[in-house]
Amino acid sequence: MVLGLQGAPAAAWDLQRGSFFLVGQALVEFGPFGLDVYKARLLTGGPQERLIELEYLRDVPRYLSLKGWEKGFSHLQRDKNGSDAIDWILSNTPDFKKGDRFTMLTVGTMTHLFLNGQLLATTQDPRVSEIIHDPWIGEQALDADIKALLLGNVRDQKSIH
């Protein structure tokens, strides 16, 4: 059984945001027409608790999410450990519907994935916890403006009010 931060079973745990602090947020747009896809939020809890939550503004089929992950991880070495971690993330990525909230929570070396507050998957693989937030806030994040907004470094037209 996986335990949430307060000791409650993670499957029933509603990611009590009262124990987390919002660091930053951004509107993520894709495509040549700048379609709004999701709102991203970075929150931190204790010293080793960090989560990124994606609130979907439109339906996104799994195959498009997988393309996004692949692009976000393209800079990583695909060694045995890296491949296993990426494969775990890809295999646990669902289809998303408008209004869905997908949460990627890391607590130390543990990673929990939630969809609308329900636990989807958990791993103790430390490599997963190292890379899962890379597409948004890693050294080679896909969008420097989004990274800055999530890290609370700038305020501009992409911020969410």
Protein backbone atom coordinates (compact mmCIF):
# COMPACT_ATOMS: atom_id res chain seq x y z
CA MET A 1 0.00 0.00 0.00
CA VAL A 2 1.26 3.46 -0.89
CA LEU A 3 0.89 6.11 1.77
CA GLY A 4 0.21 9.75 1.13
CA LEU A 5 2.11 12.54 2.85
CA GLN A 6 -0.22 12.49 5.85
CA GLY A 7 -0.10 8.69 6.21
CA ALA A 8 -3.46 8.12 4.46
CA PRO A 9 -3.67 5.58 1.66
CA ALA A 10 -2.67 7.36 -1.54
CA ALA A 11 -5.61 5.96 -3.53
CA ALA A 12 -7.98 7.86 -1.24
CA TRP A 13 -5.70 10.81 -0.70
CA ASP A 14 -6.92 13.97 -2.42
CA LEU A 15 -3.50 15.68 -2.62
CA GLN A 16 -4.40 18.06 0.17
CA ARG A 17 -3.12 21.27 -1.30
CA GLY A 18 -3.15 22.94 2.11
CA SER A 19 0.16 21.22 2.80
CA PHE A 20 1.68 22.54 -0.46
CA PHE A 21 2.73 26.03 -1.52
CA LEU A 22 2.24 27.35 -5.02
CA VAL A 23 5.60 28.29 -6.55
CA GLY A 24 4.33 29.30 -9.97
CA GLN A 25 1.91 28.58 -12.78
CA ALA A 26 1.70 28.96 -16.53
CA LEU A 27 -0.67 28.52 -19.41
CA VAL A 28 0.78 25.98 -21.86
CA GLU A 29 -0.09 26.47 -25.51
CA PHE A 30 0.85 24.30 -28.48
CA GLY A 31 0.70 24.38 -32.24
CA PRO A 32 0.96 27.11 -34.82
CA PHE A 33 -2.26 28.71 -33.57
CA GLY A 34 -1.24 28.73 -29.90
CA LEU A 35 -4.07 26.51 -28.70
CA ASP A 36 -4.47 26.52 -24.92
CA VAL A 37 -3.78 22.93 -23.84
CA TYR A 38 -3.38 23.01 -20.06
CA LYS A 39 -2.57 25.11 -17.03
CA ALA A 40 0.58 23.92 -15.28
CA ARG A 41 1.27 24.53 -11.61
CA LEU A 42 4.39 23.82 -9.56
CA LEU A 43 3.86 23.29 -5.84
CA THR A 44 6.23 22.30 -3.08
CA GLY A 45 5.59 20.77 0.31
CA GLY A 46 8.32 19.56 2.61
CA PRO A 47 12.01 19.56 1.65
CA GLN A 48 11.65 16.62 -0.75
CA GLU A 49 8.01 17.09 -1.83
CA ARG A 50 7.34 18.61 -5.23
CA LEU A 51 4.46 18.29 -7.64
CA ILE A 52 3.47 19.52 -11.03
CA GLU A 53 -0.23 19.55 -11.77
CA LEU A 54 -1.61 19.86 -15.28
CA GLU A 55 -5.22 21.02 -15.60
CA TYR A 56 -6.38 20.15 -19.11
CA LEU A 57 -8.33 22.78 -21.05
CA ARG A 58 -9.12 20.40 -23.93
CA ASP A 59 -9.10 16.69 -24.70
CA VAL A 60 -5.60 15.35 -25.40
CA PRO A 61 -5.27 11.79 -26.67
CA ARG A 62 -2.52 9.64 -25.20
CA TYR A 63 -0.51 9.49 -28.43
CA LEU A 64 -0.06 13.29 -28.36
CA SER A 65 1.03 13.21 -24.72
CA LEU A 66 3.57 10.50 -25.58
CA LYS A 67 4.99 12.73 -28.34
CA GLY A 68 5.30 15.53 -25.78
CA TRP A 69 7.12 13.31 -23.30
CA GLU A 70 9.50 12.07 -26.01
CA LYS A 71 10.32 15.66 -26.99
CA GLY A 72 10.74 16.65 -23.34
CA PHE A 73 13.13 13.75 -22.73
CA SER A 74 15.03 13.97 -26.03
CA HIS A 75 18.09 15.47 -24.30
CA LEU A 76 18.45 12.54 -21.88
CA GLN A 77 20.82 9.65 -22.39
CA ARG A 78 18.80 6.54 -23.21
CA ASP A 79 20.93 4.22 -21.07
CA LYS A 80 19.38 1.29 -19.23
CA ASN A 81 18.29 3.39 -16.24
CA GLY A 82 17.07 6.30 -18.36
CA SER A 83 15.11 4.04 -20.69
CA ASP A 84 13.43 2.20 -17.82
CA ALA A 85 12.38 5.48 -16.20
CA ILE A 86 11.08 6.97 -19.45
CA ASP A 87 9.27 3.73 -20.31
CA TRP A 88 7.57 3.77 -16.89
CA ILE A 89 6.35 7.34 -17.43
CA LEU A 90 5.14 6.61 -20.97
CA SER A 91 3.35 3.42 -19.97
CA ASN A 92 1.46 5.25 -17.20
CA THR A 93 0.30 8.18 -19.31
CA PRO A 94 -3.46 8.06 -20.03
CA ASP A 95 -5.76 9.93 -22.41
CA PHE A 96 -6.85 13.27 -20.99
CA LYS A 97 -10.26 14.91 -21.16
CA LYS A 98 -11.08 18.58 -20.73
CA GLY A 99 -11.12 19.32 -16.99
CA ASP A 100 -8.81 16.46 -16.01
CA ARG A 101 -6.08 17.16 -13.45
CA PHE A 102 -2.92 15.10 -13.88
CA THR A 103 -0.53 15.32 -10.94
CA MET A 104 3.09 14.17 -10.85
CA LEU A 105 4.18 14.09 -7.21
CA THR A 106 7.71 13.30 -6.09
CA VAL A 107 8.52 12.59 -2.45
CA GLY A 108 12.22 11.87 -2.23
CA THR A 109 12.81 9.02 -4.67
CA MET A 110 9.11 8.04 -4.81
CA THR A 111 6.91 9.18 -7.67
CA HIS A 112 3.12 9.07 -7.61
CA LEU A 113 0.91 9.82 -10.60
CA PHE A 114 -2.68 10.91 -9.98
CA LEU A 115 -5.57 11.59 -12.34
CA ASN A 116 -8.34 13.67 -10.78
CA GLY A 117 -7.09 12.75 -7.29
CA GLN A 118 -7.05 9.00 -7.94
CA LEU A 119 -3.73 7.18 -7.80
CA LEU A 120 -2.70 5.84 -11.22
CA ALA A 121 0.78 4.52 -10.47
CA THR A 122 3.68 4.64 -8.02
CA THR A 123 7.35 3.81 -8.36
CA GLN A 124 10.38 3.90 -6.11
CA ASP A 125 12.72 4.30 -9.09
CA PRO A 126 14.92 7.30 -8.19
CA ARG A 127 15.55 8.03 -11.89
CA VAL A 128 11.82 8.62 -12.47
CA SER A 129 11.71 11.18 -9.65
CA GLU A 130 14.80 12.87 -11.12
CA ILE A 131 13.38 13.30 -14.63
CA ILE A 132 9.59 13.46 -14.46
CA HIS A 133 9.46 17.25 -14.11
CA ASP A 134 12.26 17.89 -16.65
CA PRO A 135 10.04 18.94 -19.58
CA TRP A 136 8.75 21.88 -17.53
CA ILE A 137 11.50 22.85 -15.06
CA GLY A 138 14.59 20.82 -15.97
CA GLU A 139 17.88 22.27 -17.17
CA GLN A 140 16.73 21.79 -20.76
CA ALA A 141 13.02 22.49 -20.29
CA LEU A 142 10.98 22.71 -23.48
CA ASP A 143 10.02 26.37 -22.93
CA ALA A 144 12.18 28.81 -20.97
CA ASP A 145 9.26 31.20 -20.35
CA ILE A 146 7.07 28.44 -18.92
CA LYS A 147 9.96 27.23 -16.76
CA ALA A 148 10.50 30.75 -15.41
CA LEU A 149 6.79 31.17 -14.63
CA LEU A 150 6.60 27.81 -12.86
CA LEU A 151 9.68 28.65 -10.82
CA GLY A 152 8.09 32.00 -9.92
CA ASN A 153 10.78 34.03 -11.69
CA VAL A 154 8.71 36.20 -14.07
CA ARG A 155 5.25 37.57 -14.62
CA ASP A 156 4.02 38.02 -18.18
CA GLN A 157 1.13 37.31 -20.51
CA LYS A 158 1.45 33.53 -20.02
CA SER A 159 0.79 33.73 -16.30
CA ILE A 160 -2.52 32.57 -14.89
CA HIS A 161 -4.47 34.97 -12.69
